[in-house]
N, C-alpha and C. Protein backbone atom coordinates (compact mmCIF):
# COMPACT_ATOMS: atom_id res chain seq x y z
N MET A 1 240.62 -14.42 112.18
CA MET A 1 239.80 -14.81 113.29
C MET A 1 238.75 -15.80 112.79
N THR A 2 238.66 -16.92 113.47
CA THR A 2 237.72 -17.96 113.06
C THR A 2 236.47 -17.86 113.93
N THR A 3 235.35 -17.88 113.28
CA THR A 3 234.09 -17.88 114.04
C THR A 3 233.46 -19.25 113.91
N HIS A 4 232.93 -19.69 115.00
CA HIS A 4 232.25 -20.98 115.01
C HIS A 4 230.75 -20.74 114.93
N PRO A 5 230.09 -21.60 114.21
CA PRO A 5 228.63 -21.44 114.16
C PRO A 5 228.04 -21.68 115.56
N PRO A 6 226.99 -20.98 115.88
CA PRO A 6 226.40 -21.16 117.21
C PRO A 6 225.92 -22.60 117.39
N THR A 7 226.21 -23.15 118.55
CA THR A 7 225.76 -24.51 118.82
C THR A 7 224.31 -24.44 119.30
N PRO A 8 223.53 -25.37 118.80
CA PRO A 8 222.12 -25.36 119.23
C PRO A 8 222.04 -25.70 120.72
N THR A 9 221.20 -24.99 121.40
CA THR A 9 221.03 -25.27 122.82
C THR A 9 219.96 -26.33 122.99
N ALA A 10 220.26 -27.25 123.85
CA ALA A 10 219.28 -28.32 124.12
C ALA A 10 218.16 -27.74 124.98
N THR A 11 216.97 -28.19 124.71
CA THR A 11 215.84 -27.76 125.53
C THR A 11 215.65 -28.79 126.64
N PHE A 12 215.19 -28.31 127.75
CA PHE A 12 214.93 -29.20 128.88
C PHE A 12 213.60 -29.91 128.68
N GLU A 13 213.60 -31.16 129.04
CA GLU A 13 212.36 -31.92 128.94
C GLU A 13 211.47 -31.53 130.11
N ASP A 14 210.27 -31.14 129.82
CA ASP A 14 209.33 -30.70 130.85
C ASP A 14 208.27 -31.79 131.03
N GLN A 15 208.57 -32.73 131.92
CA GLN A 15 207.64 -33.84 132.13
C GLN A 15 206.49 -33.38 133.03
N PRO A 16 205.30 -33.87 132.77
CA PRO A 16 204.16 -33.49 133.61
C PRO A 16 204.34 -34.05 135.03
N VAL A 17 203.95 -33.25 136.01
CA VAL A 17 204.03 -33.67 137.41
C VAL A 17 202.67 -34.29 137.78
N PRO A 18 202.68 -35.51 138.32
CA PRO A 18 201.41 -36.13 138.71
C PRO A 18 200.69 -35.30 139.78
N VAL A 19 199.38 -35.30 139.74
CA VAL A 19 198.59 -34.48 140.66
C VAL A 19 198.85 -34.87 142.11
N ARG A 20 199.08 -36.14 142.39
CA ARG A 20 199.38 -36.56 143.76
C ARG A 20 200.66 -35.90 144.27
N THR A 21 201.65 -35.80 143.41
CA THR A 21 202.92 -35.18 143.77
C THR A 21 202.72 -33.68 144.01
N LYS A 22 201.93 -33.04 143.16
CA LYS A 22 201.64 -31.62 143.33
C LYS A 22 200.96 -31.37 144.68
N LEU A 23 199.99 -32.21 145.00
CA LEU A 23 199.26 -32.06 146.26
C LEU A 23 200.18 -32.27 147.46
N ALA A 24 200.98 -33.33 147.43
CA ALA A 24 201.89 -33.61 148.55
C ALA A 24 202.91 -32.48 148.71
N ALA A 25 203.44 -31.98 147.61
CA ALA A 25 204.41 -30.88 147.68
C ALA A 25 203.77 -29.60 148.22
N THR A 26 202.54 -29.35 147.82
CA THR A 26 201.84 -28.14 148.28
C THR A 26 201.53 -28.23 149.77
N TRP A 27 201.07 -29.40 150.23
CA TRP A 27 200.82 -29.58 151.66
C TRP A 27 202.14 -29.49 152.45
N THR A 28 203.23 -29.96 151.88
CA THR A 28 204.53 -29.85 152.55
C THR A 28 204.93 -28.39 152.71
N SER A 29 204.77 -27.61 151.65
CA SER A 29 205.06 -26.17 151.72
C SER A 29 204.16 -25.49 152.75
N PHE A 30 202.90 -25.87 152.78
CA PHE A 30 201.96 -25.33 153.75
C PHE A 30 202.45 -25.61 155.18
N MET A 31 202.90 -26.85 155.41
CA MET A 31 203.38 -27.22 156.74
C MET A 31 204.62 -26.43 157.14
N PHE A 32 205.55 -26.21 156.20
CA PHE A 32 206.73 -25.41 156.51
C PHE A 32 206.32 -24.00 156.93
N LEU A 33 205.44 -23.38 156.17
CA LEU A 33 204.98 -22.03 156.52
C LEU A 33 204.27 -22.03 157.87
N TYR A 34 203.39 -22.99 158.05
CA TYR A 34 202.62 -23.12 159.28
C TYR A 34 203.56 -23.19 160.48
N ALA A 35 204.58 -24.02 160.38
CA ALA A 35 205.54 -24.18 161.48
C ALA A 35 206.42 -22.94 161.66
N TYR A 36 206.94 -22.41 160.56
CA TYR A 36 207.87 -21.29 160.67
C TYR A 36 207.20 -20.01 161.13
N VAL A 37 205.97 -19.79 160.78
CA VAL A 37 205.26 -18.62 161.30
C VAL A 37 205.16 -18.73 162.81
N ASP A 38 204.83 -19.93 163.31
CA ASP A 38 204.75 -20.12 164.76
C ASP A 38 206.13 -20.00 165.42
N ILE A 39 207.16 -20.57 164.79
CA ILE A 39 208.51 -20.50 165.37
C ILE A 39 209.01 -19.05 165.39
N LEU A 40 208.87 -18.35 164.27
CA LEU A 40 209.33 -16.96 164.21
C LEU A 40 208.52 -16.05 165.13
N ASN A 41 207.31 -16.46 165.47
CA ASN A 41 206.49 -15.69 166.40
C ASN A 41 207.15 -15.58 167.77
N PHE A 42 208.01 -16.53 168.13
CA PHE A 42 208.70 -16.46 169.42
C PHE A 42 209.57 -15.21 169.54
N TYR A 43 209.96 -14.63 168.42
CA TYR A 43 210.77 -13.41 168.43
C TYR A 43 209.94 -12.15 168.63
N THR A 44 208.63 -12.29 168.63
CA THR A 44 207.76 -11.15 168.89
C THR A 44 207.88 -10.79 170.37
N PRO A 45 208.13 -9.52 170.67
CA PRO A 45 208.28 -9.13 172.07
C PRO A 45 207.08 -9.54 172.93
N GLY A 46 207.38 -10.15 174.06
CA GLY A 46 206.35 -10.54 175.01
C GLY A 46 205.79 -11.93 174.84
N VAL A 47 206.01 -12.56 173.70
CA VAL A 47 205.43 -13.88 173.44
C VAL A 47 206.00 -14.95 174.37
N VAL A 48 207.31 -14.98 174.50
CA VAL A 48 207.94 -15.98 175.35
C VAL A 48 207.51 -15.78 176.80
N GLN A 49 207.44 -14.53 177.24
CA GLN A 49 207.01 -14.27 178.62
C GLN A 49 205.57 -14.73 178.83
N ASP A 50 204.70 -14.49 177.85
CA ASP A 50 203.32 -14.96 177.95
C ASP A 50 203.27 -16.48 178.07
N ILE A 51 204.10 -17.16 177.30
CA ILE A 51 204.14 -18.63 177.37
C ILE A 51 204.62 -19.06 178.76
N LEU A 52 205.66 -18.39 179.27
CA LEU A 52 206.16 -18.71 180.61
C LEU A 52 205.10 -18.44 181.68
N ASP A 53 204.23 -17.47 181.40
CA ASP A 53 203.11 -17.16 182.31
C ASP A 53 201.90 -18.06 182.08
N GLY A 54 202.00 -18.98 181.11
CA GLY A 54 200.93 -19.93 180.88
C GLY A 54 199.85 -19.49 179.93
N LYS A 55 200.16 -18.54 179.04
CA LYS A 55 199.17 -18.03 178.09
C LYS A 55 199.70 -18.11 176.66
N VAL A 56 198.81 -18.47 175.74
CA VAL A 56 199.08 -18.36 174.30
C VAL A 56 197.86 -17.66 173.71
N PHE A 57 198.12 -16.47 173.15
CA PHE A 57 197.06 -15.62 172.62
C PHE A 57 196.07 -15.38 173.77
N ALA A 58 194.83 -15.83 173.67
CA ALA A 58 193.86 -15.65 174.74
C ALA A 58 193.60 -16.95 175.50
N PHE A 59 194.42 -17.96 175.23
CA PHE A 59 194.17 -19.29 175.79
C PHE A 59 195.15 -19.61 176.91
N ASP A 60 194.64 -20.31 177.92
CA ASP A 60 195.52 -20.82 178.98
C ASP A 60 196.22 -22.05 178.46
N LEU A 61 197.52 -22.15 178.76
CA LEU A 61 198.25 -23.37 178.38
C LEU A 61 197.77 -24.51 179.27
N SER A 62 197.38 -25.58 178.62
CA SER A 62 196.89 -26.76 179.34
C SER A 62 197.05 -27.96 178.42
N GLN A 63 196.77 -29.11 178.96
CA GLN A 63 196.81 -30.31 178.11
C GLN A 63 195.77 -30.23 177.01
N THR A 64 194.62 -29.66 177.31
CA THR A 64 193.57 -29.50 176.31
C THR A 64 194.04 -28.59 175.17
N PHE A 65 194.67 -27.46 175.54
CA PHE A 65 195.19 -26.56 174.50
C PHE A 65 196.23 -27.26 173.64
N SER A 66 197.19 -27.92 174.29
CA SER A 66 198.27 -28.59 173.54
C SER A 66 197.75 -29.71 172.67
N THR A 67 196.78 -30.46 173.17
CA THR A 67 196.19 -31.55 172.37
C THR A 67 195.42 -30.98 171.18
N SER A 68 194.69 -29.90 171.41
CA SER A 68 193.96 -29.26 170.31
C SER A 68 194.92 -28.72 169.26
N ALA A 69 196.01 -28.09 169.70
CA ALA A 69 197.00 -27.56 168.76
C ALA A 69 197.64 -28.69 167.97
N LEU A 70 197.95 -29.80 168.64
CA LEU A 70 198.53 -30.95 167.95
C LEU A 70 197.56 -31.51 166.91
N ALA A 71 196.29 -31.63 167.28
CA ALA A 71 195.28 -32.12 166.33
C ALA A 71 195.17 -31.18 165.13
N LEU A 72 195.21 -29.88 165.39
CA LEU A 72 195.08 -28.90 164.31
C LEU A 72 196.25 -28.97 163.33
N VAL A 73 197.45 -29.17 163.84
CA VAL A 73 198.62 -29.21 162.97
C VAL A 73 198.82 -30.60 162.34
N SER A 74 198.26 -31.64 162.96
CA SER A 74 198.45 -32.99 162.42
C SER A 74 197.64 -33.23 161.15
N VAL A 75 196.54 -32.52 160.98
CA VAL A 75 195.71 -32.74 159.78
C VAL A 75 196.48 -32.39 158.50
N PRO A 76 197.03 -31.17 158.36
CA PRO A 76 197.80 -30.91 157.15
C PRO A 76 199.05 -31.79 157.04
N ALA A 77 199.63 -32.16 158.18
CA ALA A 77 200.80 -33.06 158.12
C ALA A 77 200.39 -34.42 157.54
N LEU A 78 199.25 -34.92 157.95
CA LEU A 78 198.76 -36.20 157.41
C LEU A 78 198.35 -36.07 155.95
N MET A 79 197.92 -34.88 155.53
CA MET A 79 197.52 -34.68 154.14
C MET A 79 198.69 -34.89 153.17
N ILE A 80 199.91 -34.69 153.64
CA ILE A 80 201.07 -34.94 152.79
C ILE A 80 201.08 -36.41 152.37
N ALA A 81 200.93 -37.30 153.34
CA ALA A 81 200.93 -38.74 153.05
C ALA A 81 199.64 -39.17 152.36
N LEU A 82 198.50 -38.68 152.84
CA LEU A 82 197.22 -39.08 152.26
C LEU A 82 197.11 -38.68 150.80
N SER A 83 197.72 -37.56 150.43
CA SER A 83 197.68 -37.11 149.03
C SER A 83 198.39 -38.07 148.09
N VAL A 84 199.27 -38.87 148.65
CA VAL A 84 200.02 -39.83 147.84
C VAL A 84 199.35 -41.20 147.84
N VAL A 85 198.75 -41.61 148.95
CA VAL A 85 198.29 -43.00 149.07
C VAL A 85 196.79 -43.22 148.89
N LEU A 86 195.97 -42.21 149.06
CA LEU A 86 194.52 -42.44 148.92
C LEU A 86 194.15 -42.71 147.46
N PRO A 87 193.11 -43.52 147.23
CA PRO A 87 192.61 -43.69 145.86
C PRO A 87 192.13 -42.34 145.31
N ALA A 88 192.16 -42.20 144.01
CA ALA A 88 191.91 -40.91 143.34
C ALA A 88 190.61 -40.23 143.80
N ARG A 89 189.52 -40.94 143.81
CA ARG A 89 188.23 -40.32 144.16
C ARG A 89 188.25 -39.80 145.60
N ALA A 90 188.69 -40.63 146.54
CA ALA A 90 188.77 -40.23 147.95
C ALA A 90 189.82 -39.13 148.14
N ASN A 91 190.90 -39.21 147.41
CA ASN A 91 191.98 -38.23 147.48
C ASN A 91 191.47 -36.85 147.08
N ARG A 92 190.78 -36.80 145.97
CA ARG A 92 190.25 -35.53 145.46
C ARG A 92 189.29 -34.92 146.47
N LEU A 93 188.34 -35.71 146.95
CA LEU A 93 187.34 -35.21 147.89
C LEU A 93 188.00 -34.77 149.20
N THR A 94 188.91 -35.57 149.72
CA THR A 94 189.58 -35.23 150.99
C THR A 94 190.36 -33.92 150.86
N ASN A 95 191.09 -33.75 149.77
CA ASN A 95 191.84 -32.51 149.57
C ASN A 95 190.92 -31.31 149.43
N LEU A 96 189.83 -31.45 148.71
CA LEU A 96 188.88 -30.34 148.57
C LEU A 96 188.29 -29.93 149.92
N VAL A 97 187.88 -30.92 150.71
CA VAL A 97 187.24 -30.64 152.00
C VAL A 97 188.25 -30.05 152.99
N VAL A 98 189.39 -30.70 153.15
CA VAL A 98 190.36 -30.25 154.16
C VAL A 98 190.91 -28.87 153.82
N ALA A 99 191.28 -28.64 152.57
CA ALA A 99 191.80 -27.32 152.20
C ALA A 99 190.74 -26.24 152.43
N SER A 100 189.50 -26.53 152.09
CA SER A 100 188.42 -25.55 152.29
C SER A 100 188.20 -25.26 153.78
N LEU A 101 188.28 -26.30 154.62
CA LEU A 101 188.09 -26.11 156.06
C LEU A 101 189.26 -25.35 156.69
N TYR A 102 190.43 -25.45 156.10
CA TYR A 102 191.59 -24.77 156.67
C TYR A 102 191.68 -23.30 156.28
N VAL A 103 190.85 -22.83 155.37
CA VAL A 103 190.85 -21.40 155.03
C VAL A 103 190.45 -20.57 156.26
N PRO A 104 189.31 -20.84 156.92
CA PRO A 104 188.99 -20.03 158.11
C PRO A 104 189.97 -20.25 159.26
N VAL A 105 190.50 -21.45 159.41
CA VAL A 105 191.49 -21.72 160.44
C VAL A 105 192.72 -20.84 160.21
N THR A 106 193.14 -20.73 158.97
CA THR A 106 194.30 -19.92 158.62
C THR A 106 194.04 -18.44 158.85
N VAL A 107 192.87 -17.97 158.44
CA VAL A 107 192.53 -16.56 158.59
C VAL A 107 192.43 -16.18 160.07
N PHE A 108 192.02 -17.12 160.92
CA PHE A 108 191.90 -16.87 162.36
C PHE A 108 193.23 -16.39 162.95
N ASN A 109 194.35 -16.79 162.36
CA ASN A 109 195.66 -16.39 162.88
C ASN A 109 195.88 -14.87 162.82
N LEU A 110 195.09 -14.17 162.02
CA LEU A 110 195.22 -12.70 161.95
C LEU A 110 194.48 -11.98 163.07
N VAL A 111 193.56 -12.68 163.73
CA VAL A 111 192.68 -12.05 164.71
C VAL A 111 193.48 -11.55 165.91
N GLY A 112 193.33 -10.28 166.20
CA GLY A 112 193.87 -9.70 167.42
C GLY A 112 195.37 -9.59 167.53
N ASP A 113 196.09 -9.75 166.46
CA ASP A 113 197.55 -9.67 166.55
C ASP A 113 198.02 -8.30 166.10
N SER A 114 199.05 -7.80 166.77
CA SER A 114 199.56 -6.48 166.43
C SER A 114 200.56 -6.52 165.27
N TRP A 115 201.13 -7.67 165.00
CA TRP A 115 202.11 -7.80 163.92
C TRP A 115 201.37 -8.21 162.64
N VAL A 116 200.57 -7.31 162.12
CA VAL A 116 199.70 -7.61 160.98
C VAL A 116 200.51 -7.91 159.72
N VAL A 117 201.62 -7.21 159.50
CA VAL A 117 202.42 -7.45 158.29
C VAL A 117 203.03 -8.84 158.33
N PHE A 118 203.60 -9.22 159.47
CA PHE A 118 204.21 -10.55 159.63
C PHE A 118 203.16 -11.65 159.43
N TYR A 119 202.09 -11.58 160.21
CA TYR A 119 201.05 -12.61 160.08
C TYR A 119 200.31 -12.49 158.77
N GLY A 120 200.14 -11.27 158.28
CA GLY A 120 199.45 -11.08 157.00
C GLY A 120 200.17 -11.79 155.87
N LEU A 121 201.50 -11.66 155.83
CA LEU A 121 202.28 -12.35 154.81
C LEU A 121 202.16 -13.86 154.97
N GLY A 122 202.31 -14.34 156.20
CA GLY A 122 202.19 -15.79 156.45
C GLY A 122 200.83 -16.33 156.04
N VAL A 123 199.78 -15.63 156.43
CA VAL A 123 198.41 -16.06 156.09
C VAL A 123 198.19 -15.98 154.59
N ALA A 124 198.66 -14.93 153.95
CA ALA A 124 198.48 -14.79 152.50
C ALA A 124 199.16 -15.95 151.76
N LEU A 125 200.39 -16.28 152.15
CA LEU A 125 201.10 -17.39 151.50
C LEU A 125 200.40 -18.72 151.75
N GLU A 126 199.93 -18.93 152.98
CA GLU A 126 199.21 -20.17 153.29
C GLU A 126 197.91 -20.26 152.48
N LEU A 127 197.22 -19.13 152.32
CA LEU A 127 195.97 -19.14 151.54
C LEU A 127 196.24 -19.43 150.06
N VAL A 128 197.35 -18.92 149.53
CA VAL A 128 197.72 -19.24 148.16
C VAL A 128 197.94 -20.74 148.01
N LEU A 129 198.63 -21.34 148.97
CA LEU A 129 198.88 -22.78 148.92
C LEU A 129 197.57 -23.57 149.05
N LEU A 130 196.67 -23.15 149.93
CA LEU A 130 195.38 -23.83 150.05
C LEU A 130 194.58 -23.70 148.75
N ALA A 131 194.66 -22.54 148.11
CA ALA A 131 193.97 -22.35 146.82
C ALA A 131 194.56 -23.29 145.77
N LEU A 132 195.87 -23.48 145.79
CA LEU A 132 196.49 -24.43 144.86
C LEU A 132 196.02 -25.85 145.12
N VAL A 133 195.90 -26.23 146.38
CA VAL A 133 195.39 -27.57 146.71
C VAL A 133 194.00 -27.75 146.13
N VAL A 134 193.14 -26.76 146.35
CA VAL A 134 191.77 -26.83 145.82
C VAL A 134 191.80 -26.91 144.30
N ARG A 135 192.63 -26.11 143.67
CA ARG A 135 192.72 -26.12 142.20
C ARG A 135 193.21 -27.47 141.68
N TYR A 136 194.28 -28.00 142.27
CA TYR A 136 194.81 -29.29 141.81
C TYR A 136 193.78 -30.40 142.00
N ALA A 137 193.10 -30.39 143.14
CA ALA A 137 192.10 -31.43 143.40
C ALA A 137 190.89 -31.25 142.48
N TRP A 138 190.45 -30.02 142.30
CA TRP A 138 189.26 -29.75 141.47
C TRP A 138 189.50 -30.14 140.02
N THR A 139 190.71 -29.89 139.54
CA THR A 139 191.01 -30.16 138.12
C THR A 139 191.71 -31.51 137.94
N TRP A 140 191.53 -32.42 138.89
CA TRP A 140 192.13 -33.74 138.81
C TRP A 140 191.79 -34.36 137.46
N PRO A 141 192.79 -34.81 136.72
CA PRO A 141 192.50 -35.38 135.38
C PRO A 141 191.59 -36.60 135.49
N ARG A 142 190.69 -36.68 134.55
CA ARG A 142 189.75 -37.81 134.50
C ARG A 142 190.06 -38.65 133.28
N THR A 143 189.76 -39.93 133.40
CA THR A 143 189.90 -40.81 132.25
C THR A 143 188.51 -41.17 131.77
N ALA A 144 188.42 -41.39 130.48
CA ALA A 144 187.12 -41.77 129.91
C ALA A 144 186.80 -43.19 130.36
N PRO A 145 185.51 -43.47 130.60
CA PRO A 145 185.16 -44.84 130.98
C PRO A 145 185.49 -45.79 129.83
N PRO A 146 185.83 -47.03 130.16
CA PRO A 146 186.17 -47.98 129.09
C PRO A 146 184.96 -48.22 128.18
N GLN A 147 185.23 -48.28 126.91
CA GLN A 147 184.17 -48.51 125.92
C GLN A 147 183.85 -50.00 125.85
N ARG A 148 182.57 -50.30 125.94
CA ARG A 148 182.15 -51.70 125.77
C ARG A 148 182.04 -51.96 124.28
N PRO A 149 182.51 -53.11 123.83
CA PRO A 149 182.39 -53.40 122.39
C PRO A 149 180.92 -53.53 122.02
N ARG A 150 180.59 -52.95 120.89
CA ARG A 150 179.20 -53.03 120.40
C ARG A 150 179.01 -54.34 119.66
N ALA A 151 177.88 -54.92 119.87
CA ALA A 151 177.55 -56.15 119.16
C ALA A 151 177.14 -55.78 117.74
N THR A 152 177.67 -56.48 116.77
CA THR A 152 177.31 -56.23 115.37
C THR A 152 176.30 -57.27 114.93
N ILE A 153 175.65 -57.02 113.83
CA ILE A 153 174.66 -57.96 113.30
C ILE A 153 175.33 -59.30 112.99
N ALA A 154 176.53 -59.26 112.44
CA ALA A 154 177.23 -60.49 112.09
C ALA A 154 177.55 -61.30 113.33
N SER A 155 177.96 -60.64 114.42
CA SER A 155 178.31 -61.39 115.62
C SER A 155 177.06 -61.93 116.29
N ARG A 156 175.91 -61.24 116.15
CA ARG A 156 174.68 -61.74 116.74
C ARG A 156 174.18 -62.96 115.96
N SER A 157 174.37 -62.95 114.66
CA SER A 157 173.87 -64.08 113.88
C SER A 157 174.75 -65.32 114.07
N ALA A 158 175.96 -65.12 114.55
CA ALA A 158 176.84 -66.26 114.76
C ALA A 158 176.74 -66.79 116.18
N SER A 159 175.81 -66.27 116.96
CA SER A 159 175.69 -66.74 118.34
C SER A 159 175.12 -68.15 118.35
N PRO A 160 175.41 -68.92 119.42
CA PRO A 160 174.97 -70.32 119.48
C PRO A 160 173.46 -70.47 119.41
N ARG A 161 172.70 -69.48 119.86
CA ARG A 161 171.24 -69.60 119.83
C ARG A 161 170.69 -69.57 118.41
N SER A 162 171.41 -68.89 117.51
CA SER A 162 170.87 -68.76 116.16
C SER A 162 171.22 -69.96 115.28
N VAL A 163 172.12 -70.80 115.74
CA VAL A 163 172.49 -71.97 114.94
C VAL A 163 171.50 -73.07 115.28
N SER A 164 170.82 -73.59 114.27
CA SER A 164 169.85 -74.65 114.53
C SER A 164 170.43 -76.00 114.13
N ALA A 165 170.03 -76.99 114.85
CA ALA A 165 170.56 -78.32 114.62
C ALA A 165 169.74 -79.09 113.64
């Protein structure tokens, strides 16, 4: 019986992921959860009938409600694109502010609902993603400012002012 020496296994290259990509991916995951929690909520008994009766939670269905809901969901949707295209300083600040403001908005979804486990899991996962956004933005890599060349005594003595005619 012939035995072969074990072949070395290649290791996978683990390239660093740019912070903009991390932020955009995290906001995308947030949006999927945000949407699917609302979509799956339709399977909760009585929800569809309430909608047909013109109610969502404690709110009357109206153009104002729908416009407000659209505005609320459009912010994280826009954060996907903004996380990629904004300049670094504005990007970092925008992500810190928006993620922080969405924490209470996310927690509000638990208020008054009887399906605490369902919404609790959705809210917990969304909060983890918002915490990741804050972490990625807070720890955004910084570059050192460019060093200005120092003037040396030799270079100062060779300046045009020191040469006399």
